[in-house]
Each structure stands twice: as structure tokens, then as C-alpha cells.
Amino acid sequence: MTRTRGRLRGISCRLDAWQLARESWDGGRADGERADGGREERIGPPPTGFTLLPWLLLGLGSLANIFQGRTSDPWISGLGLLVFNSLYIYVTFRSFDRERRESPSTRLALVAMALVTCALALAYGGTWLLFFPLLGLAAGAALRGRWLGRWGWSLAALGGAVAGVKDGWGGLNIAYGTFLSTMVTAAILSLSDAVRQLRAAREELATRAVAEERLRFSRDLHDLLGHTLSVIVVKSEAARRLASRDLDAALTQITDIESVGRQALTEVREAVTGYREGSLGTELDRARSALTAADMEPVVHHSGPPLPPRAEALLGWVVREAVTNVVRHSGASRCEIAVSGSTEHVRLTVTDNGTGGDGPAQGPGTGLTGLTERLAAAGGSLTAEVEPRGGFTVTAQLPVEREGVAVGAVA
């Protein structure tokens, strides 16, 4: 009994050491990585059945008894030892793949392993009783889940009862060792899986955040530069036409070009940092200027209560993109912009009397497609269609925040 207690204390020490070594199963920190997170963590390879193979050394005492002739029927005991080790290796190596771990063959192998353990322990006792903690290791690796506690207590009771027959009160130590090895193995392997899943989820979230930021910047850059360059081209053409007959008007257009360029620099800086919030009133003024420079008649109607900043920013983007497309593609002589709102919703329409063909850019993530996604995220909608009598109409509808409720949120 004293020897058994000593062996169980050795098992407890090994389990403590195993718990401290858990970090190496997860891949741990990369060589040379600072504890303060100065370098990115690298996820090492997942644990495998080789992790649990060293515990078979607990069976060396039984093997020594066979060679030293202390065990009756050495051929039968040797065969039993071989069968136990084979089942242990089979179960543990299958326990690190969820599908194979939950397969009936693995569960049957675990049951066979329990029967062989009981038979060897009842037949020989002594060091053969230590096969129960090994059975607990295999069970903890294979039976992770909500039923683990019941299986752990059941194996502990089985091991304690069988050991009690051969070693009296020493069976309590075997029961404790079996329960401890079952629960600690399952806890460490489950924690290892959870840590790896969390790290994988964190990497996925980081990848998505980068992709979303790239998409945001590409949209902002398209909307900013597409409109700005179109205005600069139109005003440059106007300045060229006016230079020969009205120098002052040409200088006015050139001054506008300078102003648009400076404003574009500011907006690009704001887009890079992600802090740009457009103003609907500013975009309407710019639309008038761009349409006038393109020899189009601007007609603007703006009614309704003041809009919150978020709604103004979104509708400002719509005005900018729609007017840019009118200037570049429509060949129209007149463009009408109408904004009407209430305490619940706001509606914006941009209509031209052009050909209706050569519509706006529809590339994924740019142009009206990108604006459609933006408005949809805020609970709104955007449509663009050719009018039956000619011309093109862009319509944006957006819910208006009230009492601190964000645009697009459910009040």
C-alpha cells in the first residue's frame, strides 16, 4: 500500500509537470518573442498522439515483473501488456481528430481497453494497477464533452473497486489517480483546442478588419478623386473656352480649379485617416458649380427638417457620385436635384435629361454599387434607372435618426 501511494504521488507530480508543459502543445510563443507582445505569436502544430506516448513508461514496472519472473503466466501477461499498449496507442492517436474521436470504433476500443485493464489488474495486482490511470488518460483524451464528469467518476469507481480487491485501502489511491488523470487530460486538451480556436478567430477578425478598411478606403478614394478630377476637367475646358473672349471669367474658373484641388487634398487626408464626414449642403453647392461649368442647368430643391450628420454624409456621397456621372456620361443640358425629408425618412433624387445611356460605373465596390452597400448598411436603399422619356434617375432613401437612435437602427 505504501508503494502504491508513492507511485500515485509520482503520478500527481507528472500531471503537474504536464500541465506546466501545456503551452508547448499550443505552439507556445515563438523563439525570441517578447512577453510584452512585441512580436506576433505563431501558432505551432496541433498536439498529436505522441503527446501521450511517454505515459506508457508507467507500464515498465509490469514489464520488469514479466522479465524477472515475478508474474505467473508470463506469456499471457505479456500478451495482455501488448494488447493494452496497442489499444492505448490506437485510442490516443484517434483522440486528436474530432471525427475519429467520436467514431464508434474509438469508443469500442476504449471499452476493450477497460476490460483488459480490469482483467490484468485482477489477475496480477501490484504495478499492474497503474494501468487504471493510463486508462484515465486515454478516456480523458477521447471522451471530452458534457458527459466527461460522469465517465471520470465511473472510471474512478471502477479502478478503486478493482484495486480494492487486490490492495485493500490502496484502491482509494488508484481511484484518485484515475479520476485525476481523466479530468486533467480532458481539461488540458480542451483548453488547448479552445486557445487555438480563439487565436484562429482573432486572426480571421483581423483579416476581415483589414479587408473592410481597404474596401472603405477604395470607396472613398473612388468617390473623392472621381468627382474632383471630373470637376477639374470640366472647369479646365470652360477656362480654355473663355480665355480668348472673357479673361476674367476664365480666371474665375482657374481659381475654382485651385480651390477644388486644395479641397481634394484635404479630403484625401481625411479619407486616409477615416475621419471624413461629408456635408450635404457643401456637396449641393459643389454640384451647382460643376454643372454650371459643364454648361448644364442645375435645379436644386431642398426641403424638410435638418438632417443628422450621418444622413448628411451619406446623401452627400450620393450627390457627389450622381453629379459626377451626369457630368461625365449623360450629355444632358439640365440636372435636377431634390431633397425632401420628414422626421422619419429622407429622400434624394438626381435626375438628368440626357441620353440615359452610358450610365454610371457599376464595378464591384465602386460607384453606385459601393453607395448601395453603404446605404443598405444604414437601413436605406439606392436605385438607379433609365427614365422612359430619356435621362437617368438616381434615388436614395434613408431613415432619419431620432432621439439619439442611429441611422438605420431599430427604434
Protein backbone atom coordinates (compact mmCIF):
# COMPACT_ATOMS: atom_id res chain seq x y z
CA MET A 1 0.00 0.00 0.00
CA THR A 2 2.89 2.38 0.80
CA ARG A 3 4.47 1.66 -2.56
CA THR A 4 1.16 2.36 -4.28
CA ARG A 5 0.84 5.73 -2.54
CA GLY A 6 4.35 6.60 -3.63
CA ARG A 7 3.55 5.69 -7.19
CA LEU A 8 0.40 7.84 -7.09
CA ARG A 9 2.33 10.80 -5.74
CA GLY A 10 4.66 10.33 -8.69
CA ILE A 11 1.65 10.38 -11.00
CA SER A 12 0.46 13.65 -9.43
CA CYS A 13 3.87 15.25 -9.88
CA ARG A 14 3.97 14.17 -13.52
CA LEU A 15 0.49 15.58 -14.09
CA ASP A 16 1.56 18.92 -12.59
CA ALA A 17 4.58 18.97 -14.86
CA TRP A 18 2.35 18.09 -17.80
CA GLN A 19 0.06 21.00 -17.00
CA LEU A 20 3.04 23.36 -16.97
CA ALA A 21 4.07 21.99 -20.35
CA ARG A 22 0.66 22.69 -21.91
CA GLU A 23 1.93 25.86 -23.55
CA SER A 24 4.27 23.83 -25.70
CA TRP A 25 1.31 21.84 -27.04
CA ASP A 26 -0.29 25.04 -28.30
CA GLY A 27 2.87 26.06 -30.06
CA GLY A 28 3.68 28.49 -27.24
CA ARG A 29 5.48 31.69 -28.06
CA ALA A 30 7.86 31.86 -30.96
CA ASP A 31 11.55 31.69 -30.16
CA GLY A 32 12.77 35.10 -29.10
CA GLU A 33 9.28 36.52 -28.75
CA ARG A 34 8.96 39.19 -26.08
CA ALA A 35 6.49 38.65 -23.24
CA ASP A 36 5.01 42.11 -23.83
CA GLY A 37 3.71 41.04 -27.23
CA GLY A 38 6.38 42.87 -29.20
CA ARG A 39 6.29 40.16 -31.85
CA GLU A 40 3.34 38.36 -33.34
CA GLU A 41 2.52 34.96 -31.85
CA ARG A 42 2.88 31.95 -34.08
CA ILE A 43 0.51 29.03 -33.64
CA GLY A 44 2.52 25.84 -33.63
CA PRO A 45 1.33 22.46 -34.90
CA PRO A 46 -1.63 20.95 -33.03
CA PRO A 47 -0.97 18.26 -30.41
CA THR A 48 -0.97 14.63 -31.56
CA GLY A 49 -1.00 11.19 -30.00
CA PHE A 50 2.77 11.43 -29.49
CA THR A 51 1.98 13.80 -26.62
CA LEU A 52 0.55 10.94 -24.55
CA LEU A 53 3.00 8.21 -25.54
CA PRO A 54 5.56 8.93 -22.75
CA TRP A 55 2.98 7.92 -20.16
CA LEU A 56 3.33 4.31 -21.28
CA LEU A 57 6.50 4.33 -19.20
CA LEU A 58 4.21 3.67 -16.23
CA GLY A 59 3.95 0.12 -17.56
CA LEU A 60 7.69 -0.52 -17.28
CA GLY A 61 7.19 -1.95 -13.79
CA SER A 62 4.86 -4.60 -15.16
CA LEU A 63 7.27 -5.37 -17.99
CA ALA A 64 10.10 -5.75 -15.47
CA ASN A 65 7.99 -8.18 -13.44
CA ILE A 66 7.50 -10.31 -16.54
CA PHE A 67 11.23 -10.50 -17.32
CA GLN A 68 12.15 -11.08 -13.67
CA GLY A 69 9.70 -13.97 -13.38
CA ARG A 70 7.58 -12.31 -10.70
CA THR A 71 4.43 -12.74 -12.76
CA SER A 72 2.72 -16.08 -13.27
CA ASP A 73 1.91 -17.00 -16.84
CA PRO A 74 4.45 -14.62 -18.41
CA TRP A 75 3.21 -15.35 -21.94
CA ILE A 76 -0.38 -14.44 -21.07
CA SER A 77 0.66 -11.34 -19.09
CA GLY A 78 2.99 -10.28 -21.90
CA LEU A 79 0.19 -10.70 -24.42
CA GLY A 80 -2.10 -8.69 -22.15
CA LEU A 81 0.50 -5.93 -21.90
CA LEU A 82 0.88 -5.86 -25.69
CA VAL A 83 -2.90 -5.68 -26.21
CA PHE A 84 -3.25 -2.88 -23.63
CA ASN A 85 -0.44 -0.81 -25.18
CA SER A 86 -1.86 -1.32 -28.68
CA LEU A 87 -5.33 -0.19 -27.60
CA TYR A 88 -3.85 2.77 -25.72
CA ILE A 89 -1.92 3.93 -28.80
CA TYR A 90 -4.97 3.40 -31.04
CA VAL A 91 -7.29 5.41 -28.80
CA THR A 92 -4.92 8.28 -28.05
CA PHE A 93 -3.87 8.84 -31.65
CA ARG A 94 -7.51 8.94 -32.74
CA SER A 95 -8.42 11.32 -29.92
CA PHE A 96 -6.83 14.36 -31.57
CA ASP A 97 -9.20 14.32 -34.52
CA ARG A 98 -12.79 15.12 -33.56
CA GLU A 99 -14.45 12.97 -36.18
CA ARG A 100 -12.33 9.91 -35.40
CA ARG A 101 -12.51 10.60 -31.66
CA GLU A 102 -16.33 10.38 -31.73
CA SER A 103 -16.46 7.35 -34.03
CA PRO A 104 -17.87 4.03 -32.68
CA SER A 105 -14.58 2.23 -33.30
CA THR A 106 -12.75 4.52 -30.89
CA ARG A 107 -15.41 4.03 -28.20
CA LEU A 108 -15.31 0.25 -28.68
CA ALA A 109 -11.52 0.28 -28.40
CA LEU A 110 -11.84 2.25 -25.16
CA VAL A 111 -14.30 -0.31 -23.76
CA ALA A 112 -11.96 -3.14 -24.75
CA MET A 113 -9.11 -1.29 -23.08
CA ALA A 114 -11.15 -1.02 -19.86
CA LEU A 115 -11.88 -4.77 -19.91
CA VAL A 116 -8.21 -5.65 -20.48
CA THR A 117 -7.18 -3.27 -17.66
CA CYS A 118 -9.62 -4.89 -15.23
CA ALA A 119 -8.51 -8.39 -16.22
CA LEU A 120 -4.78 -7.63 -15.80
CA ALA A 121 -5.33 -5.80 -12.52
CA LEU A 122 -7.43 -8.63 -11.03
CA ALA A 123 -5.01 -11.26 -12.27
CA TYR A 124 -1.72 -9.72 -11.12
CA GLY A 125 -2.33 -6.62 -8.93
CA GLY A 126 0.72 -4.60 -7.83
CA THR A 127 2.19 -2.43 -10.56
CA TRP A 128 -0.49 -3.65 -12.95
CA LEU A 129 -2.96 -1.46 -11.06
CA LEU A 130 -1.25 1.59 -12.54
CA PHE A 131 -2.90 0.78 -15.83
CA PHE A 132 -6.07 2.40 -14.47
CA PRO A 133 -4.53 5.93 -14.53
CA LEU A 134 -3.37 5.15 -18.08
CA LEU A 135 -6.93 4.16 -18.90
CA GLY A 136 -7.98 7.53 -17.44
CA LEU A 137 -5.54 9.35 -19.71
CA ALA A 138 -6.96 7.67 -22.79
CA ALA A 139 -10.54 8.22 -21.63
CA GLY A 140 -9.91 11.91 -20.89
CA ALA A 141 -8.47 12.39 -24.37
CA ALA A 142 -11.30 10.55 -26.12
CA LEU A 143 -14.36 11.46 -24.02
CA ARG A 144 -14.19 15.25 -23.92
CA GLY A 145 -17.63 16.76 -23.61
CA ARG A 146 -20.54 17.26 -21.25
CA TRP A 147 -20.53 13.60 -20.14
CA LEU A 148 -16.90 13.73 -19.09
CA GLY A 149 -17.66 14.16 -15.37
CA ARG A 150 -19.81 11.03 -15.26
CA TRP A 151 -17.22 8.99 -17.13
CA GLY A 152 -14.48 10.30 -14.84
CA TRP A 153 -16.35 9.26 -11.68
CA SER A 154 -17.32 5.92 -13.21
CA LEU A 155 -13.73 5.04 -14.14
CA ALA A 156 -12.52 6.19 -10.73
CA ALA A 157 -15.08 3.96 -9.02
CA LEU A 158 -14.18 1.03 -11.28
CA GLY A 159 -10.46 1.46 -10.68
CA GLY A 160 -10.94 1.88 -6.94
CA ALA A 161 -13.15 -1.21 -6.68
CA VAL A 162 -10.80 -3.46 -8.65
CA ALA A 163 -7.72 -2.12 -6.84
CA GLY A 164 -9.51 -2.53 -3.51
CA VAL A 165 -9.88 -6.24 -4.18
CA LYS A 166 -6.12 -6.61 -4.70
CA ASP A 167 -4.69 -3.84 -2.47
CA GLY A 168 -7.32 -3.05 0.12
CA TRP A 169 -7.49 0.61 1.05
CA GLY A 170 -4.81 1.30 -1.53
CA GLY A 171 -7.66 1.23 -4.04
CA LEU A 172 -8.54 4.78 -2.96
CA ASN A 173 -5.21 5.99 -4.32
CA ILE A 174 -5.84 4.23 -7.61
CA ALA A 175 -9.33 5.76 -7.77
CA TYR A 176 -7.89 9.24 -7.11
CA GLY A 177 -5.16 8.80 -9.71
CA THR A 178 -7.63 7.52 -12.31
CA PHE A 179 -10.05 10.41 -11.76
CA LEU A 180 -7.23 12.97 -11.75
CA SER A 181 -5.65 11.68 -14.95
CA THR A 182 -9.03 11.58 -16.72
CA MET A 183 -10.14 15.09 -15.79
CA VAL A 184 -6.76 16.84 -16.12
CA THR A 185 -6.11 15.29 -19.54
CA ALA A 186 -9.52 16.34 -20.81
CA ALA A 187 -9.20 19.84 -19.32
CA ILE A 188 -5.77 20.49 -20.80
CA LEU A 189 -6.63 19.18 -24.25
CA SER A 190 -9.95 21.07 -24.29
CA LEU A 191 -8.18 24.25 -23.21
CA SER A 192 -5.59 23.71 -25.92
CA ASP A 193 -8.33 23.36 -28.54
CA ALA A 194 -10.14 26.46 -27.22
CA VAL A 195 -6.97 28.56 -27.30
CA ARG A 196 -6.21 27.51 -30.87
CA GLN A 197 -9.79 28.26 -31.96
CA LEU A 198 -9.67 31.67 -30.28
CA ARG A 199 -6.38 32.51 -31.97
CA ALA A 200 -7.76 31.39 -35.32
CA ALA A 201 -10.88 33.51 -34.75
CA ARG A 202 -8.73 36.50 -33.79
CA GLU A 203 -6.69 36.14 -36.98
CA GLU A 204 -9.90 35.87 -39.02
CA LEU A 205 -11.30 39.02 -37.41
CA ALA A 206 -8.06 40.86 -38.06
CA THR A 207 -8.10 39.76 -41.70
CA ARG A 208 -11.70 40.90 -42.10
CA ALA A 209 -10.94 44.24 -40.45
CA VAL A 210 -8.09 44.84 -42.89
CA ALA A 211 -10.32 43.87 -45.83
CA GLU A 212 -13.10 46.19 -44.65
CA GLU A 213 -10.68 49.07 -44.20
CA ARG A 214 -9.28 48.52 -47.69
CA LEU A 215 -12.81 48.48 -49.08
CA ARG A 216 -13.68 51.69 -47.22
CA PHE A 217 -10.57 53.45 -48.47
CA SER A 218 -11.08 52.27 -52.06
CA ARG A 219 -14.66 53.57 -51.99
CA ASP A 220 -13.65 56.91 -50.51
CA LEU A 221 -10.79 57.30 -52.95
CA HIS A 222 -13.00 56.47 -55.92
CA ASP A 223 -15.73 58.86 -54.84
CA LEU A 224 -13.31 61.64 -53.97
CA LEU A 225 -10.99 61.53 -56.95
CA GLY A 226 -13.65 60.59 -59.50
CA HIS A 227 -15.70 63.67 -58.68
CA THR A 228 -12.73 66.00 -58.16
CA LEU A 229 -10.98 65.07 -61.38
CA SER A 230 -14.24 65.39 -63.32
CA VAL A 231 -14.80 68.89 -61.92
CA ILE A 232 -11.21 69.90 -62.71
CA VAL A 233 -11.55 68.63 -66.29
CA VAL A 234 -14.87 70.44 -66.82
CA LYS A 235 -13.61 73.71 -65.35
CA SER A 236 -10.37 73.47 -67.31
CA GLU A 237 -12.37 73.10 -70.54
CA ALA A 238 -14.52 76.08 -69.51
CA ALA A 239 -11.42 78.17 -68.79
CA ARG A 240 -9.96 77.25 -72.18
CA ARG A 241 -13.16 78.28 -73.94
CA LEU A 242 -13.41 81.55 -72.03
CA ALA A 243 -9.75 82.54 -72.22
CA SER A 244 -10.00 84.12 -75.69
CA ARG A 245 -13.14 86.19 -75.08
CA ASP A 246 -13.55 86.69 -71.31
CA LEU A 247 -10.31 86.60 -69.38
CA ASP A 248 -11.92 87.44 -66.05
CA ALA A 249 -14.37 84.54 -66.34
CA ALA A 250 -11.51 82.24 -67.31
CA LEU A 251 -9.53 83.38 -64.26
CA THR A 252 -12.58 82.65 -62.12
CA GLN A 253 -12.66 79.09 -63.44
CA ILE A 254 -8.92 78.71 -62.80
CA THR A 255 -9.42 79.97 -59.24
CA ASP A 256 -12.14 77.38 -58.80
CA ILE A 257 -9.77 74.69 -60.06
CA GLU A 258 -7.21 75.72 -57.46
CA SER A 259 -9.88 75.67 -54.74
CA VAL A 260 -11.14 72.24 -55.81
CA GLY A 261 -7.59 70.87 -55.83
CA ARG A 262 -6.85 72.17 -52.34
CA GLN A 263 -10.12 70.80 -51.04
CA ALA A 264 -9.35 67.44 -52.66
CA LEU A 265 -6.02 67.27 -50.81
CA THR A 266 -7.80 67.88 -47.52
CA GLU A 267 -10.45 65.26 -48.26
CA VAL A 268 -7.89 62.64 -49.28
CA ARG A 269 -6.05 63.18 -45.97
CA GLU A 270 -9.34 62.79 -44.11
CA ALA A 271 -10.20 59.65 -46.09
CA VAL A 272 -6.84 58.11 -45.23
CA THR A 273 -7.43 58.63 -41.53
CA GLY A 274 -11.08 57.58 -41.76
CA TYR A 275 -12.48 60.78 -40.30
CA ARG A 276 -14.12 62.31 -43.34
CA GLU A 277 -17.78 63.25 -42.89
CA GLY A 278 -19.35 65.00 -45.86
CA SER A 279 -21.91 67.79 -45.76
CA LEU A 280 -24.98 67.69 -47.96
CA GLY A 281 -25.12 71.47 -48.26
CA THR A 282 -21.48 71.63 -49.34
CA GLU A 283 -21.99 68.89 -51.92
CA LEU A 284 -25.07 70.66 -53.32
CA ASP A 285 -23.05 73.86 -53.76
CA ARG A 286 -20.27 71.95 -55.49
CA ALA A 287 -22.82 70.21 -57.69
CA ARG A 288 -24.19 73.59 -58.83
CA SER A 289 -20.68 74.78 -59.65
CA ALA A 290 -19.73 71.59 -61.52
CA LEU A 291 -22.97 71.50 -63.53
CA THR A 292 -22.73 75.20 -64.43
CA ALA A 293 -19.14 74.76 -65.59
CA ALA A 294 -20.31 71.84 -67.77
CA ASP A 295 -22.97 74.07 -69.42
CA MET A 296 -25.80 72.26 -67.64
CA GLU A 297 -28.66 73.94 -65.84
CA PRO A 298 -28.66 72.97 -62.13
CA VAL A 299 -32.03 72.87 -60.38
CA VAL A 300 -31.86 72.19 -56.65
CA HIS A 301 -34.82 71.70 -54.30
CA HIS A 302 -34.12 71.19 -50.60
CA SER A 303 -36.91 70.86 -48.08
CA GLY A 304 -37.56 69.21 -44.75
CA PRO A 305 -36.07 69.41 -41.25
CA PRO A 306 -32.29 69.45 -40.62
CA LEU A 307 -30.63 66.08 -41.06
CA PRO A 308 -28.26 64.35 -38.63
CA PRO A 309 -24.55 64.27 -39.59
CA ARG A 310 -24.59 60.61 -40.59
CA ALA A 311 -27.51 61.06 -43.00
CA GLU A 312 -25.95 64.24 -44.44
CA ALA A 313 -22.67 62.41 -45.03
CA LEU A 314 -24.32 59.51 -46.86
CA LEU A 315 -26.53 61.72 -49.01
CA GLY A 316 -23.55 63.95 -49.73
CA TRP A 317 -21.74 60.93 -51.18
CA VAL A 318 -24.78 60.15 -53.33
CA VAL A 319 -24.95 63.72 -54.69
CA ARG A 320 -21.22 63.69 -55.45
CA GLU A 321 -21.31 60.35 -57.29
CA ALA A 322 -24.56 61.03 -59.17
CA VAL A 323 -23.49 64.51 -60.35
CA THR A 324 -20.09 63.15 -61.38
CA ASN A 325 -21.82 60.58 -63.56
CA VAL A 326 -24.12 63.22 -65.05
CA VAL A 327 -21.16 65.41 -65.98
CA ARG A 328 -19.11 62.54 -67.40
CA HIS A 329 -21.68 60.34 -69.10
CA SER A 330 -25.10 61.88 -69.62
CA GLY A 331 -24.65 64.61 -72.25
CA ALA A 332 -27.56 66.37 -70.52
CA SER A 333 -28.45 70.06 -70.54
CA ARG A 334 -30.35 70.03 -67.27
CA CYS A 335 -29.94 68.25 -63.95
CA GLU A 336 -32.43 68.39 -61.09
CA ILE A 337 -31.52 67.53 -57.51
CA ALA A 338 -34.37 67.20 -55.00
CA VAL A 339 -34.04 66.54 -51.27
CA SER A 340 -37.21 66.06 -49.25
CA GLY A 341 -37.40 64.80 -45.72
CA SER A 342 -39.55 64.28 -42.67
CA THR A 343 -38.90 63.28 -39.09
CA GLU A 344 -38.83 59.62 -40.21
CA HIS A 345 -37.21 59.41 -43.64
CA VAL A 346 -35.34 61.48 -46.20
CA ARG A 347 -35.42 61.04 -49.98
CA LEU A 348 -32.91 62.30 -52.54
CA THR A 349 -33.34 62.17 -56.31
CA VAL A 350 -30.89 63.24 -59.01
CA THR A 351 -32.45 63.36 -62.49
CA ASP A 352 -30.96 64.47 -65.80
CA ASN A 353 -32.43 64.87 -69.29
CA GLY A 354 -29.55 63.21 -71.07
CA THR A 355 -29.44 60.16 -73.27
CA GLY A 356 -29.90 57.70 -70.39
CA GLY A 357 -27.15 55.52 -71.83
CA ASP A 358 -23.54 55.27 -70.85
CA GLY A 359 -24.70 55.01 -67.29
CA PRO A 360 -22.61 55.18 -64.16
CA ALA A 361 -19.79 52.90 -63.37
CA GLN A 362 -21.01 49.64 -61.94
CA GLY A 363 -17.76 47.99 -60.92
CA PRO A 364 -17.97 45.99 -57.70
CA GLY A 365 -17.11 48.12 -54.68
CA THR A 366 -17.05 51.38 -56.68
CA GLY A 367 -19.53 53.91 -57.98
CA LEU A 368 -23.20 53.41 -57.24
CA THR A 369 -22.57 49.80 -56.24
CA GLY A 370 -20.44 50.92 -53.32
CA LEU A 371 -23.01 53.57 -52.36
CA THR A 372 -25.77 50.96 -52.45
CA GLU A 373 -23.84 48.90 -49.92
CA ARG A 374 -23.25 51.93 -47.70
CA LEU A 375 -26.91 52.91 -47.62
CA ALA A 376 -28.02 49.33 -47.09
CA ALA A 377 -25.75 49.11 -44.04
CA ALA A 378 -27.54 52.21 -42.65
CA GLY A 379 -31.00 50.80 -43.34
CA GLY A 380 -31.55 52.73 -46.56
CA SER A 381 -31.71 51.96 -50.27
CA LEU A 382 -30.37 53.27 -53.58
CA THR A 383 -31.79 52.74 -57.05
CA ALA A 384 -30.58 53.92 -60.45
CA GLU A 385 -32.74 53.60 -63.57
CA VAL A 386 -33.24 54.96 -67.06
CA GLU A 387 -36.34 57.11 -67.49
CA PRO A 388 -38.83 56.10 -70.24
CA ARG A 389 -38.61 59.56 -71.83
CA GLY A 390 -34.84 59.69 -71.59
CA GLY A 391 -32.48 60.62 -68.86
CA PHE A 392 -31.22 58.87 -65.79
CA THR A 393 -32.54 58.99 -62.21
CA VAL A 394 -30.74 58.08 -59.02
CA THR A 395 -32.96 57.75 -55.93
CA ALA A 396 -31.70 57.36 -52.37
CA GLN A 397 -33.91 56.77 -49.34
CA LEU A 398 -32.66 56.76 -45.77
CA PRO A 399 -34.24 56.55 -42.32
CA VAL A 400 -33.51 59.54 -40.09
CA GLU A 401 -32.19 59.11 -36.57
CA ARG A 402 -34.34 60.47 -33.77
CA GLU A 403 -33.82 60.85 -30.05
CA GLY A 404 -30.25 59.63 -30.29
CA VAL A 405 -31.11 56.48 -32.27
CA ALA A 406 -28.51 55.88 -35.01
CA VAL A 407 -29.48 55.92 -38.66
CA GLY A 408 -30.67 52.52 -39.70
CA ALA A 409 -31.18 51.33 -36.13
CA VAL A 410 -34.46 49.95 -34.91
CA ALA A 411 -36.12 52.37 -32.54
